[in-house]
Structures are given as structure tokens and as C-alpha cells.
Amino acid sequence: MPIVTIQVTREGTTPGTASLTAEEKAALIKGSSQLLLDVLGKPLESTFVVIEEVDTDNWGWGGLPVQEFRRRRAAQTG
């Protein structure tokens, strides 16, 4: 019984949203389950998919909180 955990940032994919849509989550579940069927032969009904949305203040990148990392990177390229 495979268990897949997908972590995504709680930012949404379109302006004004703060999380993934129900349709995006359904697509992630379907695609992950299909991948395990195709690669490992695991039946769809035996695969569990968990989606965790992580607030941006709860993760970092390059030794910095992600928002600060993005600000610095934008300043360097802009």
C-alpha cells in the first residue's frame, strides 16, 4: 500500500488565492496514483495520497525564510 505525500506552498496558483483548488488537488491525486500504477503496478485503490499545504512563513530556502530569499533574488536580477 503506497502512501504518497505531496507538499506544496500555501500560495495558490492564481492571483488572489491562498491554496490549491479542489480541481488541482484532484489532478495531483489522480496523477500520483496513475504514476504508481504505471511504474510499480500498484492498483489505484491501494494508493493513498496526502496533500500538505505549507504556509510560506513555515519554510525556507538558501538559509533564509522563503519571502526574504525571493526578495533578495529579485533585487539581484531586477
C-alpha atoms as a PDB file:
ATOM      1  CA  MET A   1       0.000   0.000   0.000  1.00  0.00           C
ATOM      2  CA  PRO A   2       1.861   3.108  -1.190  1.00  0.00           C
ATOM      3  CA  ILE A   3       1.385   6.393   0.611  1.00  0.00           C
ATOM      4  CA  VAL A   4       2.383   9.500  -1.318  1.00  0.00           C
ATOM      5  CA  THR A   5       2.806  12.817   0.471  1.00  0.00           C
ATOM      6  CA  ILE A   6       2.878  15.948  -1.659  1.00  0.00           C
ATOM      7  CA  GLN A   7       3.906  19.200  -0.011  1.00  0.00           C
ATOM      8  CA  VAL A   8       3.056  22.457  -1.747  1.00  0.00           C
ATOM      9  CA  THR A   9       3.258  26.020  -0.562  1.00  0.00           C
ATOM     10  CA  ARG A  10       0.049  27.677   0.515  1.00  0.00           C
ATOM     11  CA  GLU A  11       0.201  30.392  -2.121  1.00  0.00           C
ATOM     12  CA  GLY A  12      -2.317  29.327  -4.673  1.00  0.00           C
ATOM     13  CA  THR A  13      -1.668  29.163  -8.370  1.00  0.00           C
ATOM     14  CA  THR A  14      -3.673  32.189  -9.440  1.00  0.00           C
ATOM     15  CA  PRO A  15      -3.684  35.754  -8.093  1.00  0.00           C
ATOM     16  CA  GLY A  16      -5.885  36.229  -5.054  1.00  0.00           C
ATOM     17  CA  THR A  17      -5.911  32.580  -3.985  1.00  0.00           C
ATOM     18  CA  ALA A  18      -4.275  31.180  -0.876  1.00  0.00           C
ATOM     19  CA  SER A  19      -4.292  27.478  -1.678  1.00  0.00           C
ATOM     20  CA  LEU A  20      -4.688  24.939  -4.422  1.00  0.00           C
ATOM     21  CA  THR A  21      -8.134  24.495  -5.889  1.00  0.00           C
ATOM     22  CA  ALA A  22     -10.120  21.301  -5.391  1.00  0.00           C
ATOM     23  CA  GLU A  23      -9.572  20.561  -9.092  1.00  0.00           C
ATOM     24  CA  GLU A  24      -5.776  20.939  -8.763  1.00  0.00           C
ATOM     25  CA  LYS A  25      -5.745  18.652  -5.739  1.00  0.00           C
ATOM     26  CA  ALA A  26      -7.839  16.073  -7.588  1.00  0.00           C
ATOM     27  CA  ALA A  27      -5.393  16.202 -10.520  1.00  0.00           C
ATOM     28  CA  LEU A  28      -2.420  15.680  -8.180  1.00  0.00           C
ATOM     29  CA  ILE A  29      -4.139  12.686  -6.571  1.00  0.00           C
ATOM     30  CA  LYS A  30      -5.079  11.177  -9.924  1.00  0.00           C
ATOM     31  CA  GLY A  31      -1.651  11.748 -11.468  1.00  0.00           C
ATOM     32  CA  SER A  32       0.293  10.403  -8.495  1.00  0.00           C
ATOM     33  CA  SER A  33      -1.871   7.322  -8.293  1.00  0.00           C
ATOM     34  CA  GLN A  34      -1.564   6.708 -12.035  1.00  0.00           C
ATOM     35  CA  LEU A  35       2.238   7.060 -11.830  1.00  0.00           C
ATOM     36  CA  LEU A  36       2.445   4.367  -9.153  1.00  0.00           C
ATOM     37  CA  LEU A  37       0.199   2.132 -11.246  1.00  0.00           C
ATOM     38  CA  ASP A  38       2.331   2.656 -14.347  1.00  0.00           C
ATOM     39  CA  VAL A  39       5.742   2.329 -12.665  1.00  0.00           C
ATOM     40  CA  LEU A  40       5.139  -0.118  -9.820  1.00  0.00           C
ATOM     41  CA  GLY A  41       1.916  -1.834 -10.856  1.00  0.00           C
ATOM     42  CA  LYS A  42       0.145  -0.630  -7.708  1.00  0.00           C
ATOM     43  CA  PRO A  43      -3.650  -0.629  -8.105  1.00  0.00           C
ATOM     44  CA  LEU A  44      -5.307   2.779  -7.832  1.00  0.00           C
ATOM     45  CA  GLU A  45      -7.431   1.613  -4.916  1.00  0.00           C
ATOM     46  CA  SER A  46      -4.364   0.704  -2.862  1.00  0.00           C
ATOM     47  CA  THR A  47      -2.624   4.076  -3.208  1.00  0.00           C
ATOM     48  CA  PHE A  48      -3.152   6.834  -0.665  1.00  0.00           C
ATOM     49  CA  VAL A  49      -2.225  10.433  -1.473  1.00  0.00           C
ATOM     50  CA  VAL A  50      -1.861  13.148   1.172  1.00  0.00           C
ATOM     51  CA  ILE A  51      -1.526  16.792   0.142  1.00  0.00           C
ATOM     52  CA  GLU A  52       0.007  19.116   2.704  1.00  0.00           C
ATOM     53  CA  GLU A  53      -0.133  22.860   2.141  1.00  0.00           C
ATOM     54  CA  VAL A  54       2.713  24.656   3.888  1.00  0.00           C
ATOM     55  CA  ASP A  55       2.404  28.331   4.834  1.00  0.00           C
ATOM     56  CA  THR A  56       5.206  30.403   3.340  1.00  0.00           C
ATOM     57  CA  ASP A  57       6.362  31.511   6.785  1.00  0.00           C
ATOM     58  CA  ASN A  58       6.983  27.835   7.653  1.00  0.00           C
ATOM     59  CA  TRP A  59       9.710  27.090   5.127  1.00  0.00           C
ATOM     60  CA  GLY A  60      12.969  28.478   3.900  1.00  0.00           C
ATOM     61  CA  TRP A  61      15.369  28.373   1.007  1.00  0.00           C
ATOM     62  CA  GLY A  62      19.041  29.164   0.815  1.00  0.00           C
ATOM     63  CA  GLY A  63      19.331  29.636   4.564  1.00  0.00           C
ATOM     64  CA  LEU A  64      16.590  32.293   4.659  1.00  0.00           C
ATOM     65  CA  PRO A  65      12.836  32.441   5.134  1.00  0.00           C
ATOM     66  CA  VAL A  66      11.457  31.998   1.619  1.00  0.00           C
ATOM     67  CA  GLN A  67       9.988  35.500   1.323  1.00  0.00           C
ATOM     68  CA  GLU A  68      13.370  37.063   2.174  1.00  0.00           C
ATOM     69  CA  PHE A  69      15.155  34.731  -0.230  1.00  0.00           C
ATOM     70  CA  ARG A  70      12.763  35.759  -3.017  1.00  0.00           C
ATOM     71  CA  ARG A  71      13.215  39.472  -2.228  1.00  0.00           C
ATOM     72  CA  ARG A  72      16.988  39.164  -2.412  1.00  0.00           C
ATOM     73  CA  ARG A  73      16.900  37.137  -5.607  1.00  0.00           C
ATOM     74  CA  ALA A  74      14.545  39.647  -7.235  1.00  0.00           C
ATOM     75  CA  ALA A  75      16.853  42.513  -6.226  1.00  0.00           C
ATOM     76  CA  GLN A  76      19.808  40.738  -7.846  1.00  0.00           C
ATOM     77  CA  THR A  77      18.030  40.054 -11.114  1.00  0.00           C
ATOM     78  CA  GLY A  78      15.906  43.175 -11.326  1.00  0.00           C
END
